[in-house]
Amino acid sequence: SALTIMATDAIYEPLLISDNQLQIHPRLAASYKRVDPVTWEFYLRKGVKFHCGEPLTAEAVKKSLDRSMDPASPASGILNMVSSVSVKDPYTVVVKTDVPFSPLPVFMAHSGAIVMCPKCLDKWGKDIGSHPCGTGQFRLDSWERGDKVSLIRNKQYYLKGNLDRVIFRSKIGRAHV
């Protein structure tokens, strides 16, 4: 639902983001580069933490991207051009594609490429949707299914924010902020 999508976008982040002019910019990745026609390196921001306090690492990104690439994942089609994800060092992720694929950054900015806390994934498994743990500006406060989602500011967030709380309400099938 639109309500879930808006809340998810506030809780989780991908490596890259797209602005209103569809330009790609770093988010969890501080930078990235194409190493060769099928290899990309993403250099992570240092000091970023998940809502639970765990640090963002290349291993966390690998686990999330591997999860998204799993054929059982609803997001698997988003990254179907990726052949492998590996860790070069604690803050560098290497993504390889089957063939040269220059639009990869656009796909890495998709919500299907969000990064989740690996410890929370291990703890909650398929129930992670009810216990979200991302790096985003907001974290889950409460969720009244079908009615509203209340998010509170992530005090560890690495970018400046102005809001302390956001409430998404659903009204007649439409989401309102």
Protein backbone atom coordinates (compact mmCIF):
# COMPACT_ATOMS: atom_id res chain seq x y z
CA SER A 1 0.00 0.00 0.00
CA ALA A 2 1.05 3.63 -0.37
CA LEU A 3 1.09 3.90 3.42
CA THR A 4 3.62 1.06 3.73
CA ILE A 5 5.79 2.40 0.89
CA MET A 6 6.03 5.88 2.43
CA ALA A 7 6.92 4.47 5.84
CA THR A 8 9.47 2.06 4.35
CA ASP A 9 11.16 4.89 2.45
CA ALA A 10 11.55 6.83 5.72
CA ILE A 11 12.97 3.83 7.64
CA TYR A 12 15.28 2.22 5.09
CA GLU A 13 17.78 3.57 2.59
CA PRO A 14 19.51 2.21 -0.51
CA LEU A 15 23.12 2.86 -1.49
CA LEU A 16 22.05 5.58 -3.94
CA ILE A 17 19.02 7.85 -4.35
CA SER A 18 17.28 9.59 -7.21
CA ASP A 19 16.29 13.25 -6.97
CA ASN A 20 13.25 14.99 -8.50
CA GLN A 21 15.16 15.42 -11.77
CA LEU A 22 15.99 11.67 -11.76
CA GLN A 23 19.67 12.35 -11.12
CA ILE A 24 21.44 9.67 -9.05
CA HIS A 25 23.26 10.68 -5.86
CA PRO A 26 25.08 8.79 -3.09
CA ARG A 27 23.11 7.92 0.04
CA LEU A 28 24.54 5.06 2.11
CA ALA A 29 27.36 4.93 -0.39
CA ALA A 30 29.58 7.99 -0.03
CA SER A 31 30.71 7.37 -3.59
CA TYR A 32 30.86 4.69 -6.26
CA LYS A 33 32.65 3.92 -9.49
CA ARG A 34 32.55 1.56 -12.41
CA VAL A 35 35.77 -0.45 -12.29
CA ASP A 36 35.28 -2.28 -15.58
CA PRO A 37 32.28 -3.00 -17.84
CA VAL A 38 30.77 -5.52 -15.38
CA THR A 39 32.20 -4.43 -12.00
CA TRP A 40 31.10 -1.59 -9.73
CA GLU A 41 32.51 -0.57 -6.34
CA PHE A 42 30.41 1.22 -3.74
CA TYR A 43 32.27 2.99 -0.92
CA LEU A 44 30.11 3.25 2.19
CA ARG A 45 29.72 6.24 4.48
CA LYS A 46 31.55 5.63 7.73
CA GLY A 47 29.83 6.12 11.07
CA VAL A 48 26.33 5.22 9.86
CA LYS A 49 24.33 3.08 12.28
CA PHE A 50 21.17 1.04 12.04
CA HIS A 51 18.33 1.98 14.40
CA CYS A 52 19.41 -0.84 16.74
CA GLY A 53 22.92 0.67 17.02
CA GLU A 54 24.74 -1.82 14.76
CA PRO A 55 27.17 -0.20 12.31
CA LEU A 56 26.59 -0.12 8.56
CA THR A 57 29.20 -2.36 6.94
CA ALA A 58 29.85 -3.91 3.57
CA GLU A 59 28.73 -7.27 5.02
CA ALA A 60 25.36 -5.72 5.92
CA VAL A 61 24.96 -4.39 2.38
CA LYS A 62 25.93 -7.76 0.90
CA LYS A 63 23.39 -9.60 3.05
CA SER A 64 20.62 -7.16 2.09
CA LEU A 65 21.41 -7.25 -1.62
CA ASP A 66 21.71 -11.06 -1.58
CA ARG A 67 18.29 -11.16 0.10
CA SER A 68 16.83 -8.86 -2.57
CA MET A 69 18.35 -11.02 -5.33
CA ASP A 70 16.83 -14.22 -3.95
CA PRO A 71 14.24 -15.49 -6.47
CA ALA A 72 11.76 -15.81 -3.58
CA SER A 73 12.04 -12.06 -2.87
CA PRO A 74 9.45 -9.70 -4.35
CA ALA A 75 12.41 -7.43 -5.21
CA SER A 76 14.34 -10.08 -7.15
CA GLY A 77 13.48 -8.60 -10.54
CA ILE A 78 15.05 -5.26 -9.61
CA LEU A 79 18.54 -6.73 -9.34
CA ASN A 80 18.28 -9.61 -11.80
CA MET A 81 21.22 -8.24 -13.81
CA VAL A 82 23.53 -8.65 -10.78
CA SER A 83 25.58 -11.85 -10.83
CA SER A 84 27.36 -11.37 -7.49
CA VAL A 85 27.89 -9.10 -4.53
CA SER A 86 31.13 -9.33 -2.56
CA VAL A 87 32.92 -7.51 0.23
CA LYS A 88 36.29 -5.95 -0.61
CA ASP A 89 36.82 -4.42 2.83
CA PRO A 90 34.56 -3.28 5.72
CA TYR A 91 33.35 -0.24 3.76
CA THR A 92 33.57 -1.37 0.11
CA VAL A 93 31.00 -3.51 -1.70
CA VAL A 94 31.73 -4.96 -5.14
CA VAL A 95 28.76 -5.62 -7.44
CA LYS A 96 29.23 -7.61 -10.64
CA THR A 97 26.72 -7.86 -13.46
CA ASP A 98 26.32 -10.66 -16.00
CA VAL A 99 26.91 -8.29 -18.89
CA PRO A 100 27.91 -4.61 -19.12
CA PHE A 101 25.03 -2.71 -17.54
CA SER A 102 25.59 1.04 -17.33
CA PRO A 103 22.20 1.86 -15.70
CA LEU A 104 23.07 -0.17 -12.56
CA PRO A 105 23.16 2.98 -10.36
CA VAL A 106 19.50 3.64 -11.19
CA PHE A 107 18.59 0.17 -9.96
CA MET A 108 20.71 0.59 -6.82
CA ALA A 109 18.55 3.64 -5.99
CA HIS A 110 15.36 1.54 -6.06
CA SER A 111 13.52 0.55 -2.88
CA GLY A 112 14.22 -3.07 -3.85
CA ALA A 113 17.87 -2.38 -3.00
CA ILE A 114 17.34 -1.07 0.55
CA VAL A 115 19.80 -2.06 3.27
CA MET A 116 18.52 -3.82 6.38
CA CYS A 117 20.34 -4.65 9.60
CA PRO A 118 21.70 -8.20 9.27
CA LYS A 119 21.31 -8.95 12.99
CA CYS A 120 17.65 -7.90 12.84
CA LEU A 121 17.15 -9.97 9.67
CA ASP A 122 18.59 -12.99 11.48
CA LYS A 123 16.48 -12.34 14.57
CA TRP A 124 13.13 -11.63 12.86
CA GLY A 125 13.43 -13.53 9.57
CA LYS A 126 10.22 -13.35 7.53
CA ASP A 127 8.68 -11.17 10.26
CA ILE A 128 11.22 -8.35 9.64
CA GLY A 129 8.40 -6.24 8.14
CA SER A 130 6.87 -5.94 11.60
CA HIS A 131 10.25 -5.08 13.17
CA PRO A 132 11.97 -2.77 10.68
CA CYS A 133 15.56 -1.77 11.38
CA GLY A 134 17.17 0.50 8.83
CA THR A 135 19.47 3.50 8.71
CA GLY A 136 16.83 6.02 7.68
CA GLN A 137 15.88 9.33 9.22
CA PHE A 138 12.97 7.74 11.07
CA ARG A 139 12.35 4.56 13.01
CA LEU A 140 9.11 2.78 13.78
CA ASP A 141 7.23 4.00 16.85
CA SER A 142 3.86 2.30 16.34
CA TRP A 143 1.84 0.68 13.60
CA GLU A 144 -1.92 0.31 13.58
CA ARG A 145 -2.36 -1.88 10.50
CA GLY A 146 -4.70 -0.41 7.95
CA ASP A 147 -4.94 2.89 9.84
CA LYS A 148 -1.64 4.60 10.64
CA VAL A 149 2.11 4.29 11.02
CA SER A 150 3.90 6.53 13.51
CA LEU A 151 7.62 7.13 13.05
CA ILE A 152 10.00 8.97 15.34
CA ARG A 153 13.29 10.65 14.49
CA ASN A 154 16.39 8.49 14.37
CA LYS A 155 18.69 10.46 16.68
CA GLN A 156 21.74 8.68 15.21
CA TYR A 157 20.91 9.79 11.66
CA TYR A 158 23.97 11.02 9.78
CA LEU A 159 22.15 13.83 7.91
CA LYS A 160 20.38 16.80 9.46
CA GLY A 161 16.61 16.53 9.77
CA ASN A 162 13.94 18.90 11.06
CA LEU A 163 11.08 16.64 12.13
CA ASP A 164 10.81 14.68 15.38
CA ARG A 165 7.80 12.59 14.34
CA VAL A 166 5.90 11.65 11.21
CA ILE A 167 2.49 9.99 11.17
CA PHE A 168 1.15 8.38 8.02
CA ARG A 169 -2.61 7.82 8.05
CA SER A 170 -4.68 5.83 5.64
CA LYS A 171 -8.05 7.23 4.70
CA ILE A 172 -10.35 5.51 2.23
CA GLY A 173 -7.44 3.67 0.68
CA ARG A 174 -5.27 6.77 0.33
CA ALA A 175 -2.26 7.72 2.39
CA HIS A 176 -1.98 11.17 3.99
CA VAL A 177 0.94 12.75 5.80
